[in-house]
Amino acid sequence: MITTKLFNQVAQGGHFCAGLAAVWGGAALFGRPVIGALLITTWAAVKEFWYDKNFETEEVRGSDLEDFLFYTGGAAVALGALWLQVRL
């Protein structure tokens, strides 16, 4: 059986990777990583602070703010990596 702590760690890894993927996808598809960052940040805010609050069960519901920060953290790391790539 999975523990609550392990479930949260796996979930946060997924949130972080979604932020990375959105920015890198925006860069690859549109040449504009900031579009991906804006889209994932907006989507994450709606999902975490409205949808999860109203529709997610208590068993899987974690901290809305923590989940949101992992989405935006992944996006920020991806933007930073792309910025460094351009600079180097």
N, C-alpha and C. Protein backbone atom coordinates (compact mmCIF):
# COMPACT_ATOMS: atom_id res chain seq x y z
N MET A 1 0.84 -1.19 0.00
CA MET A 1 0.00 0.00 0.00
C MET A 1 0.89 1.25 0.00
N ILE A 2 0.47 2.22 -0.74
CA ILE A 2 1.24 3.46 -0.84
C ILE A 2 0.93 4.36 0.36
N THR A 3 1.97 4.96 0.89
CA THR A 3 1.77 5.87 2.02
C THR A 3 1.35 7.25 1.51
N THR A 4 0.78 8.03 2.38
CA THR A 4 0.37 9.39 2.03
C THR A 4 1.57 10.23 1.63
N LYS A 5 2.68 10.05 2.34
CA LYS A 5 3.89 10.83 2.04
C LYS A 5 4.42 10.49 0.65
N LEU A 6 4.49 9.19 0.32
CA LEU A 6 4.98 8.79 -1.00
C LEU A 6 4.04 9.26 -2.10
N PHE A 7 2.74 9.17 -1.87
CA PHE A 7 1.76 9.64 -2.84
C PHE A 7 1.98 11.12 -3.13
N ASN A 8 2.19 11.91 -2.10
CA ASN A 8 2.42 13.35 -2.27
C ASN A 8 3.71 13.61 -3.04
N GLN A 9 4.76 12.87 -2.73
CA GLN A 9 6.04 13.07 -3.43
C GLN A 9 5.92 12.75 -4.92
N VAL A 10 5.24 11.67 -5.24
CA VAL A 10 5.04 11.31 -6.64
C VAL A 10 4.19 12.36 -7.34
N ALA A 11 3.14 12.82 -6.67
CA ALA A 11 2.26 13.85 -7.24
C ALA A 11 3.03 15.14 -7.50
N GLN A 12 3.88 15.55 -6.57
CA GLN A 12 4.64 16.79 -6.75
C GLN A 12 5.65 16.65 -7.89
N GLY A 13 6.22 15.47 -8.05
CA GLY A 13 7.09 15.23 -9.20
C GLY A 13 6.33 15.39 -10.51
N GLY A 14 5.10 14.91 -10.53
CA GLY A 14 4.26 15.08 -11.72
C GLY A 14 3.90 16.52 -11.99
N HIS A 15 3.59 17.26 -10.94
CA HIS A 15 3.29 18.69 -11.11
C HIS A 15 4.50 19.43 -11.66
N PHE A 16 5.68 19.14 -11.11
CA PHE A 16 6.91 19.80 -11.55
C PHE A 16 7.19 19.48 -13.02
N CYS A 17 7.06 18.20 -13.39
CA CYS A 17 7.31 17.80 -14.78
C CYS A 17 6.30 18.41 -15.75
N ALA A 18 5.06 18.61 -15.30
CA ALA A 18 4.06 19.26 -16.15
C ALA A 18 4.47 20.71 -16.43
N GLY A 19 5.01 21.39 -15.44
CA GLY A 19 5.49 22.75 -15.65
C GLY A 19 6.65 22.79 -16.64
N LEU A 20 7.59 21.86 -16.48
CA LEU A 20 8.71 21.76 -17.43
C LEU A 20 8.19 21.50 -18.84
N ALA A 21 7.32 20.52 -18.97
CA ALA A 21 6.82 20.12 -20.29
C ALA A 21 6.06 21.24 -20.98
N ALA A 22 5.29 22.01 -20.23
CA ALA A 22 4.52 23.10 -20.83
C ALA A 22 5.45 24.16 -21.42
N VAL A 23 6.50 24.50 -20.70
CA VAL A 23 7.43 25.52 -21.20
C VAL A 23 8.23 24.99 -22.38
N TRP A 24 8.76 23.78 -22.24
CA TRP A 24 9.53 23.21 -23.35
C TRP A 24 8.65 22.95 -24.57
N GLY A 25 7.40 22.57 -24.33
CA GLY A 25 6.46 22.39 -25.44
C GLY A 25 6.16 23.71 -26.13
N GLY A 26 5.97 24.76 -25.34
CA GLY A 26 5.76 26.09 -25.92
C GLY A 26 6.95 26.54 -26.74
N ALA A 27 8.14 26.20 -26.27
CA ALA A 27 9.36 26.57 -27.01
C ALA A 27 9.47 25.77 -28.30
N ALA A 28 9.21 24.48 -28.22
CA ALA A 28 9.37 23.62 -29.39
C ALA A 28 8.29 23.86 -30.44
N LEU A 29 7.05 24.05 -29.99
CA LEU A 29 5.94 24.19 -30.94
C LEU A 29 5.77 25.60 -31.49
N PHE A 30 6.00 26.59 -30.64
CA PHE A 30 5.71 27.96 -31.04
C PHE A 30 6.91 28.88 -31.04
N GLY A 31 8.04 28.40 -30.53
CA GLY A 31 9.20 29.26 -30.40
C GLY A 31 9.05 30.30 -29.31
N ARG A 32 8.06 30.11 -28.45
CA ARG A 32 7.74 31.06 -27.38
C ARG A 32 7.54 30.31 -26.06
N PRO A 33 8.59 30.07 -25.31
CA PRO A 33 8.43 29.35 -24.04
C PRO A 33 7.58 30.10 -23.02
N VAL A 34 7.54 31.41 -23.12
CA VAL A 34 6.75 32.20 -22.17
C VAL A 34 5.26 31.90 -22.34
N ILE A 35 4.84 31.59 -23.56
CA ILE A 35 3.43 31.23 -23.77
C ILE A 35 3.11 29.97 -22.97
N GLY A 36 3.99 28.98 -23.03
CA GLY A 36 3.79 27.76 -22.25
C GLY A 36 3.76 28.05 -20.76
N ALA A 37 4.64 28.94 -20.29
CA ALA A 37 4.68 29.29 -18.87
C ALA A 37 3.38 29.98 -18.44
N LEU A 38 2.89 30.89 -19.26
CA LEU A 38 1.64 31.58 -18.92
C LEU A 38 0.45 30.62 -18.93
N LEU A 39 0.43 29.72 -19.90
CA LEU A 39 -0.67 28.77 -19.98
C LEU A 39 -0.67 27.80 -18.79
N ILE A 40 0.49 27.26 -18.43
CA ILE A 40 0.53 26.30 -17.32
C ILE A 40 0.23 27.00 -16.00
N THR A 41 0.68 28.23 -15.85
CA THR A 41 0.41 28.96 -14.60
C THR A 41 -1.08 29.25 -14.46
N THR A 42 -1.71 29.67 -15.54
CA THR A 42 -3.15 29.94 -15.51
C THR A 42 -3.93 28.66 -15.27
N TRP A 43 -3.57 27.61 -16.02
CA TRP A 43 -4.25 26.33 -15.87
C TRP A 43 -4.09 25.79 -14.46
N ALA A 44 -2.88 25.85 -13.92
CA ALA A 44 -2.62 25.33 -12.57
C ALA A 44 -3.41 26.11 -11.52
N ALA A 45 -3.51 27.41 -11.68
CA ALA A 45 -4.27 28.22 -10.71
C ALA A 45 -5.74 27.80 -10.71
N VAL A 46 -6.33 27.66 -11.88
CA VAL A 46 -7.74 27.25 -11.97
C VAL A 46 -7.91 25.84 -11.41
N LYS A 47 -7.03 24.93 -11.81
CA LYS A 47 -7.15 23.55 -11.36
C LYS A 47 -6.99 23.43 -9.85
N GLU A 48 -5.97 24.03 -9.31
CA GLU A 48 -5.67 23.85 -7.89
C GLU A 48 -6.62 24.62 -6.96
N PHE A 49 -6.94 25.83 -7.33
CA PHE A 49 -7.71 26.67 -6.41
C PHE A 49 -9.21 26.65 -6.64
N TRP A 50 -9.67 26.10 -7.76
CA TRP A 50 -11.11 25.99 -7.98
C TRP A 50 -11.52 24.53 -8.19
N TYR A 51 -10.98 23.88 -9.24
CA TYR A 51 -11.43 22.53 -9.57
C TYR A 51 -11.17 21.55 -8.43
N ASP A 52 -9.94 21.48 -7.93
CA ASP A 52 -9.62 20.52 -6.87
C ASP A 52 -10.44 20.79 -5.61
N LYS A 53 -10.63 22.04 -5.30
CA LYS A 53 -11.40 22.40 -4.10
C LYS A 53 -12.84 21.90 -4.21
N ASN A 54 -13.39 21.91 -5.41
CA ASN A 54 -14.78 21.53 -5.59
C ASN A 54 -15.01 20.07 -6.00
N PHE A 55 -14.02 19.45 -6.64
CA PHE A 55 -14.28 18.13 -7.22
C PHE A 55 -13.31 17.02 -6.80
N GLU A 56 -12.19 17.33 -6.21
CA GLU A 56 -11.24 16.29 -5.83
C GLU A 56 -11.62 15.69 -4.48
N THR A 57 -11.41 14.40 -4.32
CA THR A 57 -11.77 13.75 -3.06
C THR A 57 -10.72 14.04 -1.99
N GLU A 58 -11.13 13.93 -0.75
CA GLU A 58 -10.23 14.19 0.38
C GLU A 58 -9.05 13.22 0.42
N GLU A 59 -9.25 12.00 -0.10
CA GLU A 59 -8.18 11.00 -0.08
C GLU A 59 -6.95 11.43 -0.87
N VAL A 60 -7.16 12.11 -1.97
CA VAL A 60 -6.04 12.49 -2.84
C VAL A 60 -5.74 13.98 -2.82
N ARG A 61 -6.55 14.73 -2.12
CA ARG A 61 -6.36 16.18 -2.11
C ARG A 61 -5.23 16.56 -1.18
N GLY A 62 -4.27 17.26 -1.73
CA GLY A 62 -3.16 17.76 -0.92
C GLY A 62 -3.31 19.25 -0.71
N SER A 63 -2.19 19.91 -0.62
CA SER A 63 -2.18 21.35 -0.44
C SER A 63 -2.29 22.03 -1.81
N ASP A 64 -3.31 22.86 -1.98
CA ASP A 64 -3.49 23.56 -3.25
C ASP A 64 -2.28 24.44 -3.56
N LEU A 65 -1.80 25.16 -2.57
CA LEU A 65 -0.67 26.05 -2.79
C LEU A 65 0.60 25.27 -3.12
N GLU A 66 0.83 24.18 -2.42
CA GLU A 66 2.01 23.36 -2.69
C GLU A 66 1.98 22.81 -4.11
N ASP A 67 0.83 22.29 -4.52
CA ASP A 67 0.70 21.78 -5.89
C ASP A 67 0.95 22.88 -6.91
N PHE A 68 0.36 24.04 -6.69
CA PHE A 68 0.54 25.17 -7.60
C PHE A 68 2.00 25.58 -7.69
N LEU A 69 2.68 25.62 -6.56
CA LEU A 69 4.09 26.01 -6.56
C LEU A 69 4.97 25.02 -7.29
N PHE A 70 4.63 23.75 -7.26
CA PHE A 70 5.42 22.77 -8.02
C PHE A 70 5.19 22.94 -9.52
N TYR A 71 3.97 23.23 -9.94
CA TYR A 71 3.73 23.54 -11.36
C TYR A 71 4.57 24.74 -11.79
N THR A 72 4.48 25.83 -11.04
CA THR A 72 5.20 27.04 -11.42
C THR A 72 6.71 26.89 -11.22
N GLY A 73 7.11 26.07 -10.27
CA GLY A 73 8.54 25.80 -10.09
C GLY A 73 9.13 25.09 -11.29
N GLY A 74 8.41 24.11 -11.82
CA GLY A 74 8.86 23.43 -13.02
C GLY A 74 8.96 24.37 -14.20
N ALA A 75 7.96 25.25 -14.33
CA ALA A 75 7.98 26.24 -15.41
C ALA A 75 9.16 27.20 -15.26
N ALA A 76 9.43 27.62 -14.03
CA ALA A 76 10.53 28.55 -13.78
C ALA A 76 11.88 27.90 -14.08
N VAL A 77 12.05 26.64 -13.69
CA VAL A 77 13.31 25.94 -13.98
C VAL A 77 13.50 25.79 -15.48
N ALA A 78 12.43 25.46 -16.20
CA ALA A 78 12.53 25.32 -17.65
C ALA A 78 12.87 26.65 -18.31
N LEU A 79 12.23 27.74 -17.86
CA LEU A 79 12.56 29.06 -18.42
C LEU A 79 14.02 29.42 -18.13
N GLY A 80 14.47 29.13 -16.91
CA GLY A 80 15.86 29.40 -16.56
C GLY A 80 16.84 28.59 -17.40
N ALA A 81 16.52 27.33 -17.63
CA ALA A 81 17.39 26.48 -18.45
C ALA A 81 17.44 26.97 -19.89
N LEU A 82 16.31 27.37 -20.42
CA LEU A 82 16.29 27.90 -21.79
C LEU A 82 17.03 29.23 -21.88
N TRP A 83 16.90 30.05 -20.87
CA TRP A 83 17.61 31.34 -20.83
C TRP A 83 19.12 31.10 -20.80
N LEU A 84 19.55 30.16 -19.96
CA LEU A 84 20.98 29.83 -19.89
C LEU A 84 21.50 29.27 -21.21
N GLN A 85 20.70 28.46 -21.87
CA GLN A 85 21.10 27.88 -23.15
C GLN A 85 21.33 28.97 -24.18
N VAL A 86 20.47 29.98 -24.18
CA VAL A 86 20.62 31.09 -25.12
C VAL A 86 21.86 31.91 -24.78
N ARG A 87 22.11 32.10 -23.48
CA ARG A 87 23.24 32.90 -23.04
C ARG A 87 24.59 32.23 -23.27
N LEU A 88 24.60 30.90 -23.19
CA LEU A 88 25.88 30.20 -23.34
C LEU A 88 26.15 30.03 -24.78
